[in-house]
Amino acid sequence: MKHSKGFTLVEIAIVLVIIGLLLGGVLKGQELIVQARIRNVINDLNGVTTAIYAYQDRYRALPGDERHASVSGRWSGVSGGDGNGVICGAYNGGAVGGSVCGGEMESRLIWRHLRLSGLITGAEDSIPVNAAGGLIGVQAGAFGLSGHVLCASNLPAKIAAAIDAQQDDGNPRAGSLRGAQQSAPNAAADPNPAADVAYQDDGSQIYLICKSI
């Protein structure tokens, strides 16, 4: 009579240990990727803020808002804004509050001016893309913040919450950095988001965060 040979307890234990190591490696790798994206988005936000301040210090004007006459004298054929001290348009380069800036959105022109000045790199007219695949943009006010704000879109809840905690108070409805769920990728900022919505890490929600410049 033949007896089938099964796995011994030692062999099963070895297999389970190997599976555990593989799973641990995968999870650790995923966490490292998330942490890298958090650092990259923070670095992008800090870098753009520094570039805007440097532009103002060098040219005594806001990039994107600087008047055509001033800009065209520096870079031939380059359009400018209306010079009213406000960057018109939404962070994603679209209209906001019914305003069309009287022409090209200043929130898109800002990137052309910063790149021509050598303060940031990239294609002249394109809005920068963050490490999570969303946009980085500037607009006047969002989420109850006054003045100009710098926004990053399409962020998973884990990344948005970590950035808020590291850069501010971790509360999406308070402080100098705020956020809200997006209804669609790169959606416009809701000026009056619900007061009781926190970062919800359910694996499906994406967030737009904006910080005061």
Protein backbone atom coordinates (compact mmCIF):
# COMPACT_ATOMS: atom_id res chain seq x y z
CA MET A 1 0.00 0.00 0.00
CA LYS A 2 1.41 3.41 -1.09
CA HIS A 3 1.37 6.37 1.23
CA SER A 4 1.27 9.89 -0.20
CA LYS A 5 4.00 12.11 1.14
CA GLY A 6 2.77 15.47 2.48
CA PHE A 7 4.59 18.56 3.68
CA THR A 8 6.21 18.45 7.07
CA LEU A 9 5.55 21.15 9.66
CA VAL A 10 9.07 22.47 9.10
CA GLU A 11 8.50 22.84 5.36
CA ILE A 12 5.17 24.59 5.91
CA ALA A 13 6.79 26.92 8.45
CA ILE A 14 9.57 27.81 5.99
CA VAL A 15 7.03 28.58 3.25
CA LEU A 16 5.02 30.78 5.63
CA VAL A 17 8.16 32.66 6.66
CA ILE A 18 9.07 33.28 3.01
CA ILE A 19 5.56 34.50 2.22
CA GLY A 20 5.70 36.80 5.26
CA LEU A 21 9.02 38.25 4.16
CA LEU A 22 7.73 38.85 0.65
CA LEU A 23 4.58 40.57 1.91
CA GLY A 24 6.62 42.66 4.34
CA GLY A 25 8.93 43.72 1.54
CA VAL A 26 6.02 44.73 -0.69
CA LEU A 27 4.31 46.73 2.08
CA LYS A 28 7.58 48.41 3.06
CA GLY A 29 8.23 49.30 -0.57
CA GLN A 30 4.77 50.83 -0.89
CA GLU A 31 5.31 52.88 2.28
CA LEU A 32 8.65 54.15 0.95
CA ILE A 33 6.93 55.26 -2.26
CA VAL A 34 4.26 57.13 -0.28
CA GLN A 35 6.89 58.84 1.88
CA ALA A 36 8.84 59.84 -1.22
CA ARG A 37 5.74 61.38 -2.77
CA ILE A 38 5.02 63.30 0.44
CA ARG A 39 8.55 64.74 0.44
CA ASN A 40 8.37 65.58 -3.26
CA VAL A 41 5.07 67.47 -2.95
CA ILE A 42 6.36 69.41 0.08
CA ASN A 43 9.56 70.26 -1.79
CA ASP A 44 7.54 71.40 -4.81
CA LEU A 45 5.35 73.66 -2.66
CA ASN A 46 8.36 75.16 -0.90
CA GLY A 47 10.26 75.57 -4.17
CA VAL A 48 7.43 77.41 -5.94
CA THR A 49 6.89 79.68 -2.93
CA THR A 50 10.59 80.57 -2.96
CA ALA A 51 10.48 81.23 -6.72
CA ILE A 52 7.52 83.61 -6.38
CA TYR A 53 9.26 85.57 -3.61
CA ALA A 54 12.46 85.70 -5.67
CA TYR A 55 10.54 87.03 -8.69
CA GLN A 56 8.89 89.73 -6.58
CA ASP A 57 12.24 90.72 -5.09
CA ARG A 58 13.92 90.87 -8.49
CA TYR A 59 11.20 92.57 -10.56
CA ARG A 60 9.00 94.24 -7.92
CA ALA A 61 5.90 92.56 -9.34
CA LEU A 62 3.90 89.35 -9.05
CA PRO A 63 4.65 86.74 -11.73
CA GLY A 64 1.59 86.28 -13.91
CA ASP A 65 0.11 89.60 -12.81
CA GLU A 66 2.97 91.78 -14.04
CA ARG A 67 1.80 94.20 -16.74
CA HIS A 68 2.38 93.56 -20.44
CA ALA A 69 4.46 96.71 -20.98
CA SER A 70 6.91 95.71 -18.25
CA VAL A 71 7.18 92.07 -19.25
CA SER A 72 7.47 92.68 -23.00
CA GLY A 73 10.36 95.03 -22.38
CA ARG A 74 12.21 92.17 -20.71
CA TRP A 75 11.12 89.25 -22.88
CA SER A 76 10.03 90.17 -26.37
CA GLY A 77 6.47 89.23 -27.26
CA VAL A 78 5.54 87.86 -23.82
CA SER A 79 2.11 88.86 -22.52
CA GLY A 80 1.47 89.96 -18.96
CA GLY A 81 -1.33 90.53 -16.49
CA ASP A 82 -3.22 93.62 -15.43
CA GLY A 83 -0.86 94.61 -12.63
CA ASN A 84 -3.55 94.95 -9.97
CA GLY A 85 -1.67 92.84 -7.43
CA VAL A 86 -4.01 89.84 -7.72
CA ILE A 87 -3.28 86.66 -9.69
CA CYS A 88 -6.55 86.13 -11.56
CA GLY A 89 -7.82 82.65 -12.37
CA ALA A 90 -7.99 79.27 -10.67
CA TYR A 91 -4.95 77.22 -9.68
CA ASN A 92 -5.69 74.85 -12.60
CA GLY A 93 -5.57 77.69 -15.13
CA GLY A 94 -9.34 78.03 -15.51
CA ALA A 95 -11.83 80.74 -14.59
CA VAL A 96 -12.88 81.29 -11.01
CA GLY A 97 -15.69 83.41 -9.66
CA GLY A 98 -16.82 84.30 -13.18
CA SER A 99 -13.57 86.13 -13.84
CA VAL A 100 -11.75 85.63 -17.13
CA CYS A 101 -8.92 88.10 -16.37
CA GLY A 102 -9.75 90.05 -19.52
CA GLY A 103 -7.73 87.52 -21.52
CA GLU A 104 -5.22 84.81 -20.64
CA MET A 105 -5.46 83.54 -17.08
CA GLU A 106 -2.79 85.01 -14.85
CA SER A 107 -2.74 81.72 -12.92
CA ARG A 108 -1.32 80.18 -16.11
CA LEU A 109 0.86 83.15 -17.09
CA ILE A 110 2.66 82.84 -13.75
CA TRP A 111 4.47 79.71 -14.95
CA ARG A 112 5.62 81.39 -18.17
CA HIS A 113 7.05 84.32 -16.21
CA LEU A 114 8.78 82.15 -13.61
CA ARG A 115 10.36 79.95 -16.29
CA LEU A 116 11.52 82.84 -18.44
CA SER A 117 13.13 84.34 -15.36
CA GLY A 118 14.99 81.06 -14.79
CA LEU A 119 13.48 80.50 -11.35
CA ILE A 120 11.80 77.18 -12.24
CA THR A 121 12.18 74.68 -15.05
CA GLY A 122 9.71 73.00 -17.42
CA ALA A 123 7.70 73.70 -20.57
CA GLU A 124 6.96 77.43 -20.75
CA ASP A 125 3.14 77.40 -20.55
CA SER A 126 2.45 74.15 -18.73
CA ILE A 127 1.14 74.00 -15.16
CA PRO A 128 3.53 71.87 -13.05
CA VAL A 129 2.54 68.31 -12.17
CA ASN A 130 3.05 67.07 -8.62
CA ALA A 131 4.36 63.67 -7.49
CA ALA A 132 0.81 62.27 -7.21
CA GLY A 133 -0.06 63.15 -10.81
CA GLY A 134 -2.11 66.25 -10.00
CA LEU A 135 -1.34 69.93 -10.56
CA ILE A 136 0.48 72.57 -8.57
CA GLY A 137 -1.03 76.00 -9.06
CA VAL A 138 -1.59 79.48 -7.64
CA GLN A 139 -4.77 81.45 -7.17
CA ALA A 140 -6.19 84.24 -5.01
CA GLY A 141 -7.80 82.64 -1.95
CA ALA A 142 -9.33 79.20 -1.32
CA PHE A 143 -10.95 77.33 1.56
CA GLY A 144 -11.32 80.49 3.60
CA LEU A 145 -7.68 81.51 3.17
CA SER A 146 -7.14 85.11 2.13
CA GLY A 147 -4.37 86.36 -0.11
CA HIS A 148 -2.66 84.12 -2.63
CA VAL A 149 -2.51 80.39 -2.09
CA LEU A 150 -0.47 77.58 -3.60
CA CYS A 151 -2.44 74.39 -4.28
CA ALA A 152 -1.66 70.74 -5.03
CA SER A 153 -4.38 68.49 -6.44
CA ASN A 154 -5.19 64.78 -6.82
CA LEU A 155 -3.54 63.82 -3.54
CA PRO A 156 -4.57 60.56 -1.82
CA ALA A 157 -5.85 61.14 1.72
CA LYS A 158 -2.72 59.65 3.31
CA ILE A 159 -0.46 62.08 1.44
CA ALA A 160 -2.70 65.11 2.00
CA ALA A 161 -3.02 64.37 5.72
CA ALA A 162 0.74 63.85 6.14
CA ILE A 163 1.57 67.12 4.36
CA ASP A 164 -0.98 69.00 6.48
CA ALA A 165 0.45 67.47 9.67
CA GLN A 166 4.04 68.26 8.72
CA GLN A 167 3.44 71.74 7.33
CA ASP A 168 0.58 72.93 9.55
CA ASP A 169 -1.84 71.56 12.17
CA GLY A 170 -3.25 68.46 10.46
CA ASN A 171 -6.73 70.01 10.37
CA PRO A 172 -8.06 70.51 6.81
CA ARG A 173 -10.36 73.30 8.00
CA ALA A 174 -7.92 75.40 10.03
CA GLY A 175 -4.45 76.89 9.91
CA SER A 176 -2.44 78.16 6.96
CA LEU A 177 -2.84 74.91 4.97
CA ARG A 178 -6.31 73.58 4.22
CA GLY A 179 -7.89 70.94 2.03
CA ALA A 180 -11.03 69.27 0.78
CA GLN A 181 -12.15 66.27 -1.22
CA GLN A 182 -12.19 66.77 -4.98
CA SER A 183 -15.27 65.96 -7.01
CA ALA A 184 -13.03 65.17 -9.99
CA PRO A 185 -9.29 65.19 -10.79
CA ASN A 186 -7.87 68.72 -10.81
CA ALA A 187 -11.29 70.15 -9.90
CA ALA A 188 -11.51 73.80 -8.88
CA ALA A 189 -11.20 74.73 -5.22
CA ASP A 190 -14.50 75.03 -3.36
CA PRO A 191 -14.36 78.40 -1.55
CA ASN A 192 -16.74 77.19 1.18
CA PRO A 193 -16.11 73.49 1.89
CA ALA A 194 -18.06 71.63 4.58
CA ALA A 195 -16.72 72.37 8.05
CA ASP A 196 -16.84 68.79 9.34
CA VAL A 197 -15.06 66.85 6.58
CA ALA A 198 -11.68 65.39 7.60
CA TYR A 199 -9.14 63.47 5.53
CA GLN A 200 -10.71 60.05 4.88
CA ASP A 201 -8.19 57.39 3.92
CA ASP A 202 -10.58 54.98 2.22
CA GLY A 203 -8.34 54.39 -0.78
CA SER A 204 -10.59 56.19 -3.26
CA GLN A 205 -10.86 59.86 -2.25
CA ILE A 206 -8.49 62.44 -3.69
CA TYR A 207 -7.83 65.81 -2.10
CA LEU A 208 -6.89 69.33 -3.05
CA ILE A 209 -4.76 71.16 -0.50
CA CYS A 210 -3.91 74.86 -0.55
CA LYS A 211 -1.48 76.80 1.63
CA SER A 212 -1.01 80.52 2.13
CA ILE A 213 1.97 82.01 0.31
